[in-house]
Amino acid sequence: MAALYIAAGINHFVHPAGYISIMPSWLPYKLLLNNVSGAFELLFGILLLPKSSRRFAAWGIILLLVAVYPANVQMLINYYRSNSPYFWLTIFRLPLQFLLIWWAWIYTRKSYV
């Protein structure tokens, strides 16, 4: 799980356009929001590694996944409107977000810290 979030966090800085393009239009400062969410993904991924900060990191990941959920909805809308052949992936991605939340929640339990 740590590797997933560390890689995703780095990817926000390497390929910001992909993330910015799926942000809802009503959000201001898209590059800043991309960088902040990428930094938090990277930070929480690193903080998952030591047991002493694992619980905190898992709760942070849960909050982050909830915060970025509107971007996943926006991505679905964008792909639908453009008749993208990858629209089906956006349908799959919405429930996947809940699976990721559940996975992070497992690490909030005392038996994992």
N, C-alpha and C. Protein backbone atom coordinates (compact mmCIF):
# COMPACT_ATOMS: atom_id res chain seq x y z
N MET A 1 0.82 -1.18 0.00
CA MET A 1 0.00 0.00 0.00
C MET A 1 0.88 1.26 0.00
N ALA A 2 1.93 1.24 0.77
CA ALA A 2 2.84 2.39 0.82
C ALA A 2 3.41 2.69 -0.56
N ALA A 3 3.84 1.68 -1.26
CA ALA A 3 4.42 1.87 -2.59
C ALA A 3 3.40 2.49 -3.55
N LEU A 4 2.16 2.08 -3.46
CA LEU A 4 1.09 2.61 -4.31
C LEU A 4 0.96 4.12 -4.12
N TYR A 5 0.91 4.56 -2.87
CA TYR A 5 0.71 5.98 -2.61
C TYR A 5 1.98 6.81 -2.84
N ILE A 6 3.12 6.23 -2.60
CA ILE A 6 4.37 6.94 -2.91
C ILE A 6 4.47 7.14 -4.42
N ALA A 7 4.20 6.10 -5.19
CA ALA A 7 4.26 6.21 -6.66
C ALA A 7 3.21 7.19 -7.17
N ALA A 8 2.00 7.11 -6.63
CA ALA A 8 0.93 8.03 -7.07
C ALA A 8 1.29 9.47 -6.73
N GLY A 9 1.86 9.68 -5.55
CA GLY A 9 2.26 11.02 -5.16
C GLY A 9 3.31 11.60 -6.09
N ILE A 10 4.29 10.80 -6.42
CA ILE A 10 5.34 11.24 -7.35
C ILE A 10 4.73 11.54 -8.72
N ASN A 11 3.79 10.71 -9.14
CA ASN A 11 3.17 10.87 -10.45
C ASN A 11 2.42 12.20 -10.57
N HIS A 12 1.91 12.72 -9.46
CA HIS A 12 1.24 14.03 -9.49
C HIS A 12 2.20 15.13 -9.96
N PHE A 13 3.48 14.97 -9.63
CA PHE A 13 4.47 15.99 -10.01
C PHE A 13 5.07 15.71 -11.39
N VAL A 14 5.11 14.44 -11.78
CA VAL A 14 5.68 14.07 -13.07
C VAL A 14 4.67 14.30 -14.21
N HIS A 15 3.41 13.98 -13.95
CA HIS A 15 2.35 14.10 -14.96
C HIS A 15 1.15 14.86 -14.40
N PRO A 16 1.29 16.12 -14.08
CA PRO A 16 0.18 16.85 -13.46
C PRO A 16 -1.03 17.05 -14.38
N ALA A 17 -0.81 17.11 -15.67
CA ALA A 17 -1.92 17.39 -16.60
C ALA A 17 -3.03 16.36 -16.50
N GLY A 18 -2.68 15.10 -16.31
CA GLY A 18 -3.69 14.06 -16.20
C GLY A 18 -4.60 14.24 -15.00
N TYR A 19 -4.04 14.72 -13.92
CA TYR A 19 -4.84 14.95 -12.71
C TYR A 19 -5.65 16.24 -12.82
N ILE A 20 -5.03 17.26 -13.36
CA ILE A 20 -5.71 18.55 -13.50
C ILE A 20 -6.91 18.42 -14.43
N SER A 21 -6.78 17.61 -15.47
CA SER A 21 -7.86 17.48 -16.45
C SER A 21 -9.12 16.83 -15.88
N ILE A 22 -8.99 16.10 -14.78
CA ILE A 22 -10.17 15.45 -14.22
C ILE A 22 -10.74 16.18 -13.01
N MET A 23 -10.16 17.32 -12.68
CA MET A 23 -10.70 18.10 -11.56
C MET A 23 -11.96 18.82 -12.00
N PRO A 24 -12.96 18.86 -11.12
CA PRO A 24 -14.18 19.59 -11.47
C PRO A 24 -13.88 21.05 -11.83
N SER A 25 -14.64 21.59 -12.75
CA SER A 25 -14.39 22.94 -13.26
C SER A 25 -14.55 24.00 -12.18
N TRP A 26 -15.34 23.74 -11.17
CA TRP A 26 -15.59 24.73 -10.12
C TRP A 26 -14.42 24.86 -9.13
N LEU A 27 -13.44 23.98 -9.23
CA LEU A 27 -12.29 24.06 -8.33
C LEU A 27 -11.27 25.09 -8.84
N PRO A 28 -10.86 26.02 -7.98
CA PRO A 28 -9.81 26.97 -8.38
C PRO A 28 -8.43 26.38 -8.11
N TYR A 29 -7.41 27.03 -8.62
CA TYR A 29 -6.01 26.70 -8.31
C TYR A 29 -5.70 25.22 -8.52
N LYS A 30 -6.02 24.74 -9.69
CA LYS A 30 -5.89 23.31 -9.97
C LYS A 30 -4.46 22.78 -9.83
N LEU A 31 -3.48 23.53 -10.29
CA LEU A 31 -2.10 23.06 -10.15
C LEU A 31 -1.71 22.98 -8.67
N LEU A 32 -2.09 23.97 -7.90
CA LEU A 32 -1.81 23.94 -6.47
C LEU A 32 -2.49 22.74 -5.81
N LEU A 33 -3.75 22.52 -6.13
CA LEU A 33 -4.47 21.38 -5.56
C LEU A 33 -3.83 20.05 -5.96
N ASN A 34 -3.39 19.97 -7.20
CA ASN A 34 -2.69 18.77 -7.66
C ASN A 34 -1.43 18.54 -6.83
N ASN A 35 -0.65 19.60 -6.65
CA ASN A 35 0.60 19.48 -5.90
C ASN A 35 0.35 19.15 -4.44
N VAL A 36 -0.67 19.74 -3.84
CA VAL A 36 -0.99 19.44 -2.44
C VAL A 36 -1.44 18.00 -2.29
N SER A 37 -2.32 17.54 -3.16
CA SER A 37 -2.79 16.15 -3.05
C SER A 37 -1.66 15.17 -3.33
N GLY A 38 -0.80 15.50 -4.29
CA GLY A 38 0.36 14.65 -4.56
C GLY A 38 1.31 14.59 -3.38
N ALA A 39 1.54 15.75 -2.75
CA ALA A 39 2.42 15.79 -1.58
C ALA A 39 1.84 14.97 -0.43
N PHE A 40 0.52 15.06 -0.23
CA PHE A 40 -0.10 14.27 0.83
C PHE A 40 -0.05 12.78 0.52
N GLU A 41 -0.26 12.41 -0.73
CA GLU A 41 -0.15 10.99 -1.09
C GLU A 41 1.26 10.48 -0.81
N LEU A 42 2.23 11.24 -1.21
CA LEU A 42 3.63 10.88 -0.97
C LEU A 42 3.92 10.80 0.53
N LEU A 43 3.51 11.80 1.26
CA LEU A 43 3.74 11.84 2.71
C LEU A 43 3.05 10.67 3.41
N PHE A 44 1.79 10.45 3.11
CA PHE A 44 1.07 9.36 3.78
C PHE A 44 1.63 8.00 3.38
N GLY A 45 2.06 7.87 2.13
CA GLY A 45 2.69 6.62 1.71
C GLY A 45 3.95 6.33 2.52
N ILE A 46 4.77 7.36 2.70
CA ILE A 46 5.99 7.20 3.50
C ILE A 46 5.64 6.91 4.96
N LEU A 47 4.63 7.60 5.49
CA LEU A 47 4.24 7.42 6.88
C LEU A 47 3.57 6.07 7.15
N LEU A 48 3.18 5.37 6.10
CA LEU A 48 2.65 4.01 6.28
C LEU A 48 3.75 3.02 6.67
N LEU A 49 4.99 3.34 6.34
CA LEU A 49 6.08 2.39 6.55
C LEU A 49 6.39 2.14 8.03
N PRO A 50 6.64 3.15 8.86
CA PRO A 50 6.90 2.85 10.27
C PRO A 50 5.59 2.57 11.02
N LYS A 51 5.61 1.62 11.88
CA LYS A 51 4.41 1.27 12.65
C LYS A 51 3.90 2.45 13.48
N SER A 52 4.82 3.27 13.96
CA SER A 52 4.44 4.37 14.83
C SER A 52 3.54 5.41 14.15
N SER A 53 3.62 5.54 12.84
CA SER A 53 2.81 6.54 12.13
C SER A 53 1.79 5.91 11.18
N ARG A 54 1.72 4.60 11.16
CA ARG A 54 0.86 3.89 10.21
C ARG A 54 -0.62 4.25 10.37
N ARG A 55 -1.09 4.29 11.59
CA ARG A 55 -2.51 4.58 11.83
C ARG A 55 -2.86 6.00 11.36
N PHE A 56 -2.01 6.96 11.71
CA PHE A 56 -2.22 8.35 11.28
C PHE A 56 -2.25 8.42 9.74
N ALA A 57 -1.30 7.76 9.10
CA ALA A 57 -1.22 7.78 7.64
C ALA A 57 -2.45 7.17 7.00
N ALA A 58 -2.94 6.08 7.58
CA ALA A 58 -4.13 5.42 7.03
C ALA A 58 -5.34 6.33 7.11
N TRP A 59 -5.52 7.02 8.23
CA TRP A 59 -6.63 7.97 8.35
C TRP A 59 -6.45 9.11 7.36
N GLY A 60 -5.22 9.55 7.16
CA GLY A 60 -4.96 10.59 6.18
C GLY A 60 -5.32 10.15 4.77
N ILE A 61 -5.00 8.92 4.45
CA ILE A 61 -5.33 8.38 3.13
C ILE A 61 -6.84 8.31 2.95
N ILE A 62 -7.54 7.88 3.98
CA ILE A 62 -9.01 7.82 3.90
C ILE A 62 -9.58 9.20 3.61
N LEU A 63 -9.12 10.20 4.36
CA LEU A 63 -9.61 11.57 4.13
C LEU A 63 -9.25 12.06 2.73
N LEU A 64 -8.06 11.75 2.28
CA LEU A 64 -7.64 12.15 0.94
C LEU A 64 -8.49 11.49 -0.14
N LEU A 65 -8.77 10.20 0.02
CA LEU A 65 -9.60 9.50 -0.96
C LEU A 65 -11.01 10.07 -1.02
N VAL A 66 -11.54 10.47 0.11
CA VAL A 66 -12.86 11.11 0.13
C VAL A 66 -12.79 12.47 -0.56
N ALA A 67 -11.72 13.21 -0.29
CA ALA A 67 -11.57 14.56 -0.86
C ALA A 67 -11.42 14.54 -2.38
N VAL A 68 -10.77 13.53 -2.92
CA VAL A 68 -10.55 13.50 -4.37
C VAL A 68 -11.65 12.75 -5.13
N TYR A 69 -12.64 12.23 -4.42
CA TYR A 69 -13.72 11.49 -5.08
C TYR A 69 -14.42 12.32 -6.17
N PRO A 70 -14.66 13.62 -5.93
CA PRO A 70 -15.29 14.41 -7.01
C PRO A 70 -14.49 14.40 -8.32
N ALA A 71 -13.18 14.28 -8.25
CA ALA A 71 -12.39 14.20 -9.48
C ALA A 71 -12.68 12.91 -10.23
N ASN A 72 -12.94 11.83 -9.51
CA ASN A 72 -13.29 10.58 -10.17
C ASN A 72 -14.65 10.67 -10.84
N VAL A 73 -15.58 11.37 -10.20
CA VAL A 73 -16.90 11.59 -10.81
C VAL A 73 -16.74 12.46 -12.05
N GLN A 74 -15.92 13.52 -11.94
CA GLN A 74 -15.69 14.40 -13.08
C GLN A 74 -15.05 13.64 -14.24
N MET A 75 -14.14 12.74 -13.92
CA MET A 75 -13.50 11.94 -14.95
C MET A 75 -14.54 11.09 -15.69
N LEU A 76 -15.47 10.51 -14.96
CA LEU A 76 -16.54 9.73 -15.57
C LEU A 76 -17.35 10.61 -16.52
N ILE A 77 -17.70 11.80 -16.06
CA ILE A 77 -18.48 12.72 -16.89
C ILE A 77 -17.69 13.11 -18.14
N ASN A 78 -16.41 13.43 -17.97
CA ASN A 78 -15.58 13.82 -19.13
C ASN A 78 -15.49 12.71 -20.15
N TYR A 79 -15.26 11.49 -19.68
CA TYR A 79 -15.11 10.35 -20.59
C TYR A 79 -16.43 10.03 -21.28
N TYR A 80 -17.53 10.19 -20.58
CA TYR A 80 -18.85 9.96 -21.17
C TYR A 80 -19.11 10.98 -22.28
N ARG A 81 -18.86 12.25 -21.98
CA ARG A 81 -19.13 13.32 -22.94
C ARG A 81 -18.26 13.21 -24.19
N SER A 82 -17.05 12.70 -24.04
CA SER A 82 -16.15 12.59 -25.19
C SER A 82 -16.25 11.24 -25.89
N ASN A 83 -17.18 10.41 -25.46
CA ASN A 83 -17.35 9.06 -26.02
C ASN A 83 -16.04 8.27 -25.99
N SER A 84 -15.32 8.41 -24.90
CA SER A 84 -14.03 7.73 -24.77
C SER A 84 -14.23 6.22 -24.71
N PRO A 85 -13.36 5.48 -25.40
CA PRO A 85 -13.45 4.01 -25.31
C PRO A 85 -13.07 3.51 -23.91
N TYR A 86 -12.51 4.37 -23.09
CA TYR A 86 -12.12 3.99 -21.73
C TYR A 86 -13.16 4.39 -20.68
N PHE A 87 -14.34 4.78 -21.15
CA PHE A 87 -15.42 5.16 -20.23
C PHE A 87 -15.70 4.06 -19.21
N TRP A 88 -15.64 2.81 -19.64
CA TRP A 88 -15.93 1.69 -18.73
C TRP A 88 -14.96 1.68 -17.55
N LEU A 89 -13.73 2.14 -17.76
CA LEU A 89 -12.76 2.19 -16.66
C LEU A 89 -13.19 3.20 -15.59
N THR A 90 -13.81 4.29 -16.03
CA THR A 90 -14.25 5.29 -15.05
C THR A 90 -15.41 4.76 -14.22
N ILE A 91 -16.23 3.90 -14.80
CA ILE A 91 -17.31 3.27 -14.04
C ILE A 91 -16.72 2.33 -12.99
N PHE A 92 -15.69 1.61 -13.36
CA PHE A 92 -15.00 0.70 -12.44
C PHE A 92 -14.27 1.47 -11.34
N ARG A 93 -13.76 2.64 -11.68
CA ARG A 93 -12.95 3.41 -10.74
C ARG A 93 -13.75 3.92 -9.54
N LEU A 94 -15.02 4.24 -9.73
CA LEU A 94 -15.81 4.78 -8.62
C LEU A 94 -15.92 3.80 -7.45
N PRO A 95 -16.34 2.56 -7.67
CA PRO A 95 -16.37 1.62 -6.53
C PRO A 95 -14.98 1.22 -6.06
N LEU A 96 -14.00 1.29 -6.95
CA LEU A 96 -12.63 0.98 -6.55
C LEU A 96 -12.16 1.93 -5.45
N GLN A 97 -12.62 3.17 -5.51
CA GLN A 97 -12.26 4.15 -4.49
C GLN A 97 -12.71 3.66 -3.10
N PHE A 98 -13.88 3.04 -3.02
CA PHE A 98 -14.37 2.52 -1.74
C PHE A 98 -13.53 1.33 -1.28
N LEU A 99 -13.08 0.54 -2.22
CA LEU A 99 -12.19 -0.57 -1.87
C LEU A 99 -10.87 -0.04 -1.32
N LEU A 100 -10.35 1.02 -1.90
CA LEU A 100 -9.11 1.64 -1.40
C LEU A 100 -9.33 2.22 0.00
N ILE A 101 -10.49 2.81 0.23
CA ILE A 101 -10.82 3.32 1.57
C ILE A 101 -10.86 2.18 2.57
N TRP A 102 -11.48 1.09 2.20
CA TRP A 102 -11.54 -0.08 3.09
C TRP A 102 -10.14 -0.61 3.38
N TRP A 103 -9.31 -0.68 2.36
CA TRP A 103 -7.93 -1.16 2.53
C TRP A 103 -7.17 -0.27 3.52
N ALA A 104 -7.33 1.04 3.37
CA ALA A 104 -6.67 1.95 4.31
C ALA A 104 -7.25 1.80 5.71
N TRP A 105 -8.54 1.61 5.80
CA TRP A 105 -9.19 1.47 7.11
C TRP A 105 -8.62 0.27 7.88
N ILE A 106 -8.25 -0.78 7.18
CA ILE A 106 -7.66 -1.94 7.83
C ILE A 106 -6.42 -1.52 8.64
N TYR A 107 -5.67 -0.57 8.10
CA TYR A 107 -4.45 -0.12 8.76
C TYR A 107 -4.70 0.85 9.91
N THR A 108 -5.96 1.21 10.13
CA THR A 108 -6.26 2.06 11.29
C THR A 108 -6.49 1.22 12.54
N ARG A 109 -6.64 -0.06 12.37
CA ARG A 109 -6.93 -0.94 13.51
C ARG A 109 -5.64 -1.23 14.27
N LYS A 110 -5.77 -1.39 15.56
CA LYS A 110 -4.61 -1.57 16.42
C LYS A 110 -3.78 -2.80 16.06
N SER A 111 -4.39 -3.81 15.50
CA SER A 111 -3.65 -5.02 15.17
C SER A 111 -2.63 -4.80 14.05
N TYR A 112 -2.74 -3.69 13.32
CA TYR A 112 -1.82 -3.41 12.21
C TYR A 112 -0.79 -2.34 12.57
N VAL A 113 -0.87 -1.81 13.77
CA VAL A 113 0.10 -0.79 14.16
C VAL A 113 0.98 -1.27 15.29
